[in-house]
Amino acid sequence: MVSNARGVITPAPMSAALFARVNIAVSGGMLSIEVVGGSGGEVWRVERSSDLLTWESLGTVELEANGGLGSRVLSDVPLGGGSSFFRAVG
């Protein structure tokens, strides 16, 4: 329900999306992928794609509370060849 001084409305059911920030560091041909978002406890699947159509799962992380935001690093991910896109799906 949404209300103000003019009245109350009940909109149709809706869904909400949570977004995470993905930070990537490269060292010695390996990636460290940090997922940041939420308040901790959320589980996110980290994925990679070369074409934005087909996604490869790299692993899952459960975020730990850290100064107000949850975060976790997925380490030792092979760099792979060519251009890559990354996302975290929660």
Protein backbone atom coordinates (compact mmCIF):
# COMPACT_ATOMS: atom_id res chain seq x y z
CA MET A 1 0.00 0.00 0.00
CA VAL A 2 1.07 3.53 -0.69
CA SER A 3 -0.52 6.44 1.14
CA ASN A 4 -0.30 10.18 1.55
CA ALA A 5 -2.62 13.02 2.59
CA ARG A 6 -4.76 12.48 -0.53
CA GLY A 7 -5.52 8.82 0.10
CA VAL A 8 -4.35 5.23 -0.13
CA ILE A 9 -3.73 3.06 -3.18
CA THR A 10 -2.94 -0.63 -3.40
CA PRO A 11 -0.95 -1.28 -6.59
CA ALA A 12 -0.72 -4.64 -8.31
CA PRO A 13 1.89 -7.06 -6.89
CA MET A 14 5.40 -6.29 -8.07
CA SER A 15 8.89 -7.65 -7.72
CA ALA A 16 12.05 -5.91 -6.62
CA ALA A 17 15.54 -6.51 -7.92
CA LEU A 18 18.65 -6.41 -5.79
CA PHE A 19 21.86 -5.27 -7.38
CA ALA A 20 25.42 -6.04 -6.42
CA ARG A 21 28.61 -4.30 -7.44
CA VAL A 22 31.30 -6.54 -8.91
CA ASN A 23 34.96 -5.49 -8.51
CA ILE A 24 37.57 -7.42 -10.49
CA ALA A 25 41.32 -7.60 -9.90
CA VAL A 26 43.81 -9.48 -12.11
CA SER A 27 47.04 -10.98 -10.81
CA GLY A 28 49.25 -13.56 -12.51
CA GLY A 29 46.59 -14.70 -14.98
CA MET A 30 43.98 -15.23 -12.24
CA LEU A 31 40.97 -13.12 -11.27
CA SER A 32 39.71 -12.10 -7.86
CA ILE A 33 36.05 -11.11 -8.10
CA GLU A 34 34.53 -9.20 -5.19
CA VAL A 35 30.74 -9.00 -4.88
CA VAL A 36 29.48 -6.07 -2.76
CA GLY A 37 25.85 -5.37 -1.84
CA GLY A 38 23.09 -6.04 0.65
CA SER A 39 23.69 -6.32 4.37
CA GLY A 40 25.32 -9.75 4.56
CA GLY A 41 23.94 -13.26 4.35
CA GLU A 42 22.78 -12.98 0.74
CA VAL A 43 24.01 -15.67 -1.67
CA TRP A 44 25.06 -14.59 -5.17
CA ARG A 45 26.13 -16.65 -8.18
CA VAL A 46 29.05 -15.11 -10.11
CA GLU A 47 28.87 -15.60 -13.88
CA ARG A 48 30.96 -14.80 -16.98
CA SER A 49 29.92 -14.36 -20.62
CA SER A 50 31.66 -13.51 -23.86
CA ASP A 51 28.44 -12.58 -25.71
CA LEU A 52 25.92 -11.52 -23.02
CA LEU A 53 23.69 -14.44 -24.10
CA THR A 54 25.40 -17.51 -22.70
CA TRP A 55 26.55 -17.34 -19.06
CA GLU A 56 29.05 -19.63 -17.32
CA SER A 57 28.79 -20.03 -13.55
CA LEU A 58 32.11 -19.34 -11.82
CA GLY A 59 30.89 -20.12 -8.30
CA THR A 60 28.71 -18.79 -5.51
CA VAL A 61 29.50 -16.46 -2.64
CA GLU A 62 27.66 -15.70 0.60
CA LEU A 63 28.16 -12.08 1.53
CA GLU A 64 29.56 -11.24 4.97
CA ALA A 65 28.57 -8.02 6.72
CA ASN A 66 31.42 -5.52 6.49
CA GLY A 67 30.86 -1.91 7.56
CA GLY A 68 27.20 -1.79 6.54
CA LEU A 69 27.51 -3.63 3.23
CA GLY A 70 27.96 -7.32 2.62
CA SER A 71 30.93 -8.46 0.55
CA ARG A 72 32.87 -11.57 -0.39
CA VAL A 73 35.73 -12.34 -2.80
CA LEU A 74 35.72 -15.27 -5.21
CA SER A 75 39.45 -15.95 -5.69
CA ASP A 76 41.61 -17.85 -8.17
CA VAL A 77 39.24 -17.66 -11.14
CA PRO A 78 41.10 -18.43 -14.42
CA LEU A 79 41.39 -15.33 -16.61
CA GLY A 80 40.13 -17.03 -19.79
CA GLY A 81 40.66 -15.69 -23.30
CA GLY A 82 39.11 -12.77 -25.12
CA SER A 83 36.70 -10.20 -23.74
CA SER A 84 34.46 -11.17 -20.86
CA PHE A 85 31.45 -9.72 -19.08
CA PHE A 86 30.77 -10.54 -15.43
CA ARG A 87 27.64 -10.39 -13.30
CA ALA A 88 26.41 -11.43 -9.87
CA VAL A 89 22.95 -13.01 -9.75
CA GLY A 90 21.18 -13.14 -6.40
